[in-house]
Amino acid sequence: MKHTKRFVIPFLLLLSAIFLKYVVKQYNIIDADFHETLSIVGSILFIVSLAWVLIVTLRIFKLIFLEKYDISQENNLRSRKLHTQFNILERVIIFLIVIVAIGLILMLFEDVRRIGISVFASAGVAGIIIGLAAQRVIAAVLAGLQIAITQPIRLDDVVIIENEWGRIEEIALTYVVVHIWDKRRLIVPSTYFFEKPFQNWTRTTSEILGTVFLYTDYHVSFDALRDELTRLLKSTPLWDGKVNVLQVTDAKQNGVEIRALMSAKNSATAWDLRVFIREKMIEFLQKNYPESLPKTRVLIENPEKQTEK
């Protein structure tokens, strides 16, 4: 019942079309000179109302079908896939319905029909000209259809595009809206995702690994750092309990590079976990191993001893 209100206006237009096209003509309510005009107006209203009904039916079908697929849940891979496909296909079908309706309305006029015949007579040249002029638009539309089929991205995917971290907020027929972490919106043409590389952090799963790098002196205790990392991870609900690794990844003349590797259920949680671990590990070093903080060593020789020599 909640969707039936959407059909009120198109059905009123349909009744108006029937009244103008058939009832008025049958009962000679007005002069015969206006019959043809009213018939055309009735036909236009009939085409518009029919197109409107088809669009409303399509949208209601999509809403009913997608009601049980909630993309706000954590495990929402299938839901995001279906929402992406239905949203793009809905736009394609609506676009085709509108184009066909406009074409049928224009063909109601005799002058337009004559122009149409002359255009079809030179369809080869016209097709080439239109194709060259609209090739970028056609490419964008085809890219939108390809996104719906192959799905390199889906709604709510976490992506890195143009060195920006964000989520896929909207997938239109010719462009994609990316919601950047600082509330900005990045508008990207659909063709971008087939012409340039980008990162999709939630392509198959939302789980992700986070890294924290520490730089210390050679005197640090690696076992103590591993124990502290384990304690910190177990103390926070941000950690999903899967990955807990601490390794020395580099050793240079001024100190060592230590990498802490941890896992989280999604990228947003991984960011918060990395910030938490980085802060607490630095505090641990400051309190327990202050002598192990990075140092710059300088050797100063006594110039008097050099002169004695």
Protein backbone atom coordinates (compact mmCIF):
# COMPACT_ATOMS: atom_id res chain seq x y z
CA MET A 1 0.00 0.00 0.00
CA LYS A 2 2.81 2.43 0.73
CA HIS A 3 3.93 2.32 -2.92
CA THR A 4 0.49 2.76 -4.53
CA LYS A 5 0.57 6.55 -4.04
CA ARG A 6 3.28 6.73 -6.69
CA PHE A 7 0.75 5.64 -9.34
CA VAL A 8 -1.83 8.36 -8.62
CA ILE A 9 -0.47 11.08 -10.92
CA PRO A 10 0.38 8.84 -13.92
CA PHE A 11 -3.09 7.19 -13.73
CA LEU A 12 -4.74 10.62 -13.63
CA LEU A 13 -2.79 11.55 -16.75
CA LEU A 14 -3.90 8.29 -18.36
CA LEU A 15 -7.55 9.01 -17.61
CA SER A 16 -7.14 12.54 -18.98
CA ALA A 17 -5.63 11.12 -22.17
CA ILE A 18 -8.52 8.71 -22.63
CA PHE A 19 -11.02 11.51 -22.03
CA LEU A 20 -9.41 13.85 -24.57
CA LYS A 21 -8.74 11.23 -27.22
CA TYR A 22 -11.98 9.26 -27.18
CA VAL A 23 -14.74 10.69 -25.01
CA VAL A 24 -14.61 14.26 -26.34
CA LYS A 25 -14.48 13.06 -29.92
CA GLN A 26 -17.28 10.54 -29.50
CA TYR A 27 -19.80 12.93 -27.95
CA ASN A 28 -18.82 16.03 -29.98
CA ILE A 29 -18.40 18.14 -26.88
CA ILE A 30 -16.49 20.80 -28.81
CA ASP A 31 -16.17 21.92 -32.41
CA ALA A 32 -14.73 19.49 -34.92
CA ASP A 33 -11.82 21.85 -35.66
CA PHE A 34 -10.29 21.06 -32.29
CA HIS A 35 -10.68 17.30 -32.52
CA GLU A 36 -7.30 16.73 -34.14
CA THR A 37 -5.50 18.97 -31.66
CA LEU A 38 -7.17 17.25 -28.73
CA SER A 39 -6.34 13.88 -30.21
CA ILE A 40 -2.64 14.81 -30.37
CA VAL A 41 -2.71 16.17 -26.81
CA GLY A 42 -4.43 12.99 -25.67
CA SER A 43 -1.82 10.86 -27.41
CA ILE A 44 0.99 12.84 -25.77
CA LEU A 45 -0.60 12.42 -22.34
CA PHE A 46 -1.09 8.71 -23.02
CA ILE A 47 2.59 8.23 -23.93
CA VAL A 48 3.79 10.28 -20.95
CA SER A 49 1.53 8.45 -18.50
CA LEU A 50 2.54 5.05 -19.86
CA ALA A 51 6.24 5.91 -19.59
CA TRP A 52 5.65 7.25 -16.08
CA VAL A 53 3.89 4.04 -15.03
CA LEU A 54 6.75 1.93 -16.37
CA ILE A 55 9.33 4.03 -14.49
CA VAL A 56 7.36 3.91 -11.23
CA THR A 57 6.84 0.16 -11.59
CA LEU A 58 10.55 -0.32 -12.16
CA ARG A 59 11.50 1.72 -9.09
CA ILE A 60 8.96 -0.03 -6.85
CA PHE A 61 10.20 -3.43 -8.02
CA LYS A 62 13.77 -2.38 -7.18
CA LEU A 63 12.80 -1.10 -3.72
CA ILE A 64 10.83 -4.25 -2.88
CA PHE A 65 13.56 -6.56 -4.11
CA LEU A 66 16.37 -4.72 -2.30
CA GLU A 67 14.54 -4.31 1.02
CA LYS A 68 16.03 -7.55 2.35
CA TYR A 69 19.56 -6.59 1.28
CA ASP A 70 20.79 -3.99 3.76
CA ILE A 71 24.15 -2.42 2.90
CA SER A 72 24.50 -0.95 6.41
CA GLN A 73 25.35 -4.38 7.84
CA GLU A 74 28.95 -5.49 8.29
CA ASN A 75 28.88 -8.54 6.00
CA ASN A 76 27.23 -6.75 3.11
CA LEU A 77 29.21 -7.89 0.06
CA ARG A 78 26.21 -9.50 -1.68
CA SER A 79 23.97 -6.57 -0.75
CA ARG A 80 26.39 -4.02 -2.21
CA LYS A 81 26.71 -6.12 -5.36
CA LEU A 82 22.94 -6.23 -5.93
CA HIS A 83 22.44 -2.55 -5.07
CA THR A 84 25.14 -1.59 -7.57
CA GLN A 85 23.68 -3.69 -10.38
CA PHE A 86 20.08 -2.59 -9.82
CA ASN A 87 20.94 1.11 -9.52
CA ILE A 88 22.87 1.18 -12.78
CA LEU A 89 20.40 -0.99 -14.71
CA GLU A 90 17.54 1.17 -13.40
CA ARG A 91 19.18 4.29 -14.84
CA VAL A 92 19.79 2.57 -18.18
CA ILE A 93 16.18 1.37 -18.49
CA ILE A 94 14.76 4.76 -17.46
CA PHE A 95 17.02 6.45 -20.01
CA LEU A 96 15.72 4.12 -22.75
CA ILE A 97 12.09 4.63 -21.70
CA VAL A 98 12.48 8.42 -21.83
CA ILE A 99 14.20 8.31 -25.23
CA VAL A 100 11.49 6.05 -26.71
CA ALA A 101 8.72 8.22 -25.24
CA ILE A 102 10.24 11.40 -26.68
CA GLY A 103 10.61 9.71 -30.05
CA LEU A 104 6.97 8.56 -30.08
CA ILE A 105 5.75 12.04 -29.11
CA LEU A 106 7.77 13.69 -31.87
CA MET A 107 6.45 11.22 -34.43
CA LEU A 108 2.90 12.40 -33.69
CA PHE A 109 3.62 15.58 -35.65
CA GLU A 110 3.58 15.41 -39.44
CA ASP A 111 6.45 17.88 -39.90
CA VAL A 112 8.68 15.90 -37.57
CA ARG A 113 7.84 12.67 -39.43
CA ARG A 114 8.93 14.25 -42.71
CA ILE A 115 12.17 15.43 -41.13
CA GLY A 116 12.67 11.97 -39.72
CA ILE A 117 12.31 10.37 -43.13
CA SER A 118 14.90 12.75 -44.61
CA VAL A 119 17.26 12.05 -41.71
CA PHE A 120 16.93 8.29 -42.16
CA ALA A 121 17.67 8.76 -45.85
CA SER A 122 21.08 10.17 -44.91
CA ALA A 123 21.55 7.98 -41.86
CA GLY A 124 25.05 6.94 -42.87
CA VAL A 125 26.54 10.45 -42.80
CA ALA A 126 24.45 11.52 -39.82
CA GLY A 127 25.45 8.41 -37.87
CA ILE A 128 29.13 9.11 -38.43
CA ILE A 129 28.79 12.76 -37.37
CA ILE A 130 26.73 11.93 -34.28
CA GLY A 131 29.04 9.06 -33.40
CA LEU A 132 32.13 11.27 -33.51
CA ALA A 133 30.44 14.02 -31.52
CA ALA A 134 29.06 11.72 -28.84
CA GLN A 135 31.80 9.12 -28.59
CA ARG A 136 32.88 10.25 -25.11
CA VAL A 137 29.30 10.16 -23.84
CA ILE A 138 28.73 6.74 -25.39
CA ALA A 139 31.99 5.49 -23.88
CA ALA A 140 30.91 6.73 -20.45
CA VAL A 141 27.52 5.02 -20.77
CA LEU A 142 29.13 1.76 -21.88
CA ALA A 143 31.59 2.04 -18.97
CA GLY A 144 28.64 2.42 -16.60
CA LEU A 145 27.08 -0.74 -18.00
CA GLN A 146 30.40 -2.53 -17.69
CA ILE A 147 30.64 -1.51 -14.03
CA ALA A 148 27.21 -3.07 -13.44
CA ILE A 149 28.31 -6.34 -15.08
CA THR A 150 31.95 -6.77 -14.01
CA GLN A 151 31.72 -4.71 -10.79
CA PRO A 152 35.29 -3.50 -10.21
CA ILE A 153 33.59 -1.23 -7.65
CA ARG A 154 30.38 -1.46 -5.66
CA LEU A 155 28.40 0.89 -3.47
CA ASP A 156 30.14 1.54 -0.14
CA ASP A 157 33.46 0.11 -1.37
CA VAL A 158 36.55 1.66 0.22
CA VAL A 159 38.85 2.91 -2.54
CA ILE A 160 42.01 4.92 -3.07
CA ILE A 161 41.60 7.18 -6.13
CA GLU A 162 43.95 10.00 -7.07
CA ASN A 163 45.69 9.48 -3.70
CA GLU A 164 42.39 10.09 -1.90
CA TRP A 165 40.80 7.65 0.57
CA GLY A 166 37.02 7.41 0.37
CA ARG A 167 33.91 5.30 -0.11
CA ILE A 168 31.81 4.81 -3.23
CA GLU A 169 28.71 6.86 -2.47
CA GLU A 170 26.88 6.83 -5.80
CA ILE A 171 27.30 5.04 -9.12
CA ALA A 172 25.48 6.84 -11.91
CA LEU A 173 25.36 5.90 -15.57
CA THR A 174 28.28 8.11 -16.63
CA TYR A 175 30.04 9.06 -13.37
CA VAL A 176 30.84 7.84 -9.86
CA VAL A 177 30.72 9.88 -6.63
CA VAL A 178 33.43 9.09 -4.05
CA HIS A 179 32.83 10.33 -0.50
CA ILE A 180 36.27 11.43 0.73
CA TRP A 181 37.12 10.96 4.42
CA ASP A 182 37.07 14.74 5.07
CA LYS A 183 33.49 15.10 3.69
CA ARG A 184 34.54 16.19 0.20
CA ARG A 185 33.06 14.50 -2.89
CA LEU A 186 35.26 13.35 -5.74
CA ILE A 187 33.37 13.06 -9.05
CA VAL A 188 35.02 10.52 -11.33
CA PRO A 189 33.89 9.55 -14.86
CA SER A 190 32.92 5.89 -15.25
CA THR A 191 35.65 5.37 -17.82
CA TYR A 192 38.30 6.15 -15.15
CA PHE A 193 37.89 2.70 -13.58
CA PHE A 194 38.84 0.97 -16.83
CA GLU A 195 41.62 3.32 -17.91
CA LYS A 196 43.62 3.95 -14.72
CA PRO A 197 44.68 1.80 -11.77
CA PHE A 198 43.03 2.33 -8.39
CA GLN A 199 42.87 0.51 -5.06
CA ASN A 200 39.73 -1.26 -3.87
CA TRP A 201 40.12 -2.27 -0.22
CA THR A 202 36.79 -4.12 -0.01
CA ARG A 203 36.72 -5.98 -3.34
CA THR A 204 36.19 -9.41 -1.77
CA THR A 205 36.26 -8.70 1.97
CA SER A 206 36.41 -5.70 4.29
CA GLU A 207 39.22 -7.20 6.40
CA ILE A 208 42.51 -5.35 6.14
CA LEU A 209 46.00 -5.33 7.67
CA GLY A 210 47.38 -2.27 9.39
CA THR A 211 51.04 -1.38 9.91
CA VAL A 212 52.86 0.77 12.45
CA PHE A 213 56.55 1.63 12.02
CA LEU A 214 58.81 2.43 14.97
CA TYR A 215 62.39 3.72 14.77
CA THR A 216 64.61 2.95 17.74
CA ASP A 217 68.21 2.59 18.83
CA TYR A 218 70.00 -0.77 18.71
CA HIS A 219 69.68 -1.24 22.49
CA VAL A 220 65.91 -1.85 22.44
CA SER A 221 64.49 -5.20 23.58
CA PHE A 222 62.49 -6.72 20.72
CA ASP A 223 60.91 -9.40 22.94
CA ALA A 224 59.62 -6.72 25.30
CA LEU A 225 58.12 -4.83 22.35
CA ARG A 226 56.40 -8.01 21.12
CA ASP A 227 54.92 -8.67 24.54
CA GLU A 228 53.68 -5.09 24.82
CA LEU A 229 52.14 -5.21 21.33
CA THR A 230 50.28 -8.41 22.22
CA ARG A 231 49.02 -6.89 25.47
CA LEU A 232 47.81 -3.74 23.72
CA LEU A 233 46.03 -5.66 20.97
CA LYS A 234 44.23 -7.88 23.46
CA SER A 235 43.13 -4.82 25.43
CA THR A 236 41.22 -3.17 22.56
CA PRO A 237 38.07 -4.28 20.68
CA LEU A 238 39.52 -2.72 17.52
CA TRP A 239 41.65 -5.83 16.93
CA ASP A 240 39.93 -8.81 15.29
CA GLY A 241 42.33 -11.32 16.91
CA LYS A 242 43.84 -12.67 13.69
CA VAL A 243 47.20 -11.00 12.92
CA ASN A 244 49.78 -9.92 15.51
CA VAL A 245 53.34 -9.60 14.20
CA LEU A 246 56.34 -7.49 15.18
CA GLN A 247 59.45 -7.65 12.97
CA VAL A 248 62.69 -5.74 12.43
CA THR A 249 62.38 -4.71 8.79
CA ASP A 250 65.55 -2.62 8.44
CA ALA A 251 68.81 -1.86 10.23
CA LYS A 252 70.80 1.29 9.45
CA GLN A 253 73.78 3.05 10.95
CA ASN A 254 71.62 5.32 13.13
CA GLY A 255 69.03 2.80 14.32
CA VAL A 256 66.57 0.04 13.41
CA GLU A 257 63.17 0.04 11.77
CA ILE A 258 60.49 -2.07 13.50
CA ARG A 259 57.17 -2.91 11.87
CA ALA A 260 54.11 -3.90 13.88
CA LEU A 261 51.50 -5.71 11.77
CA MET A 262 47.91 -6.12 12.96
CA SER A 263 44.49 -6.89 11.50
CA ALA A 264 41.04 -5.32 11.78
CA LYS A 265 37.56 -5.99 10.45
CA ASN A 266 37.57 -2.98 8.09
CA SER A 267 39.69 -0.05 6.98
CA ALA A 268 38.12 2.52 9.31
CA THR A 269 38.75 0.29 12.33
CA ALA A 270 42.27 -0.47 11.10
CA TRP A 271 43.06 3.25 11.04
CA ASP A 272 41.91 3.72 14.63
CA LEU A 273 43.84 0.61 15.69
CA ARG A 274 47.06 1.84 14.08
CA VAL A 275 46.76 5.23 15.79
CA PHE A 276 46.14 3.54 19.16
CA ILE A 277 49.07 1.12 18.84
CA ARG A 278 51.48 3.80 17.61
CA GLU A 279 50.68 6.09 20.54
CA LYS A 280 50.87 3.39 23.20
CA MET A 281 54.08 1.85 21.85
CA ILE A 282 55.80 5.25 21.89
CA GLU A 283 54.65 5.75 25.48
CA PHE A 284 56.03 2.31 26.35
CA LEU A 285 59.42 3.21 24.90
CA GLN A 286 59.47 6.56 26.70
CA LYS A 287 58.73 5.01 30.10
CA ASN A 288 60.68 1.74 29.93
CA TYR A 289 63.43 2.22 27.35
CA PRO A 290 64.22 5.94 27.08
CA GLU A 291 67.81 5.11 26.16
CA SER A 292 66.51 3.21 23.12
CA LEU A 293 64.95 6.21 21.44
CA PRO A 294 66.67 7.20 18.16
CA LYS A 295 70.01 8.93 18.64
CA THR A 296 72.53 10.68 16.48
CA ARG A 297 76.09 9.77 17.47
CA VAL A 298 78.92 12.28 17.06
CA LEU A 299 82.55 11.46 17.89
CA ILE A 300 84.64 14.50 18.97
CA GLU A 301 88.36 13.92 19.29
CA ASN A 302 90.61 15.97 21.60
CA PRO A 303 92.62 18.38 19.38
CA GLU A 304 95.45 18.64 22.03
CA LYS A 305 96.12 14.93 21.79
CA GLN A 306 96.28 15.19 18.01
CA THR A 307 98.91 17.95 18.24
CA GLU A 308 101.01 15.92 20.73
CA LYS A 309 101.09 13.13 18.23
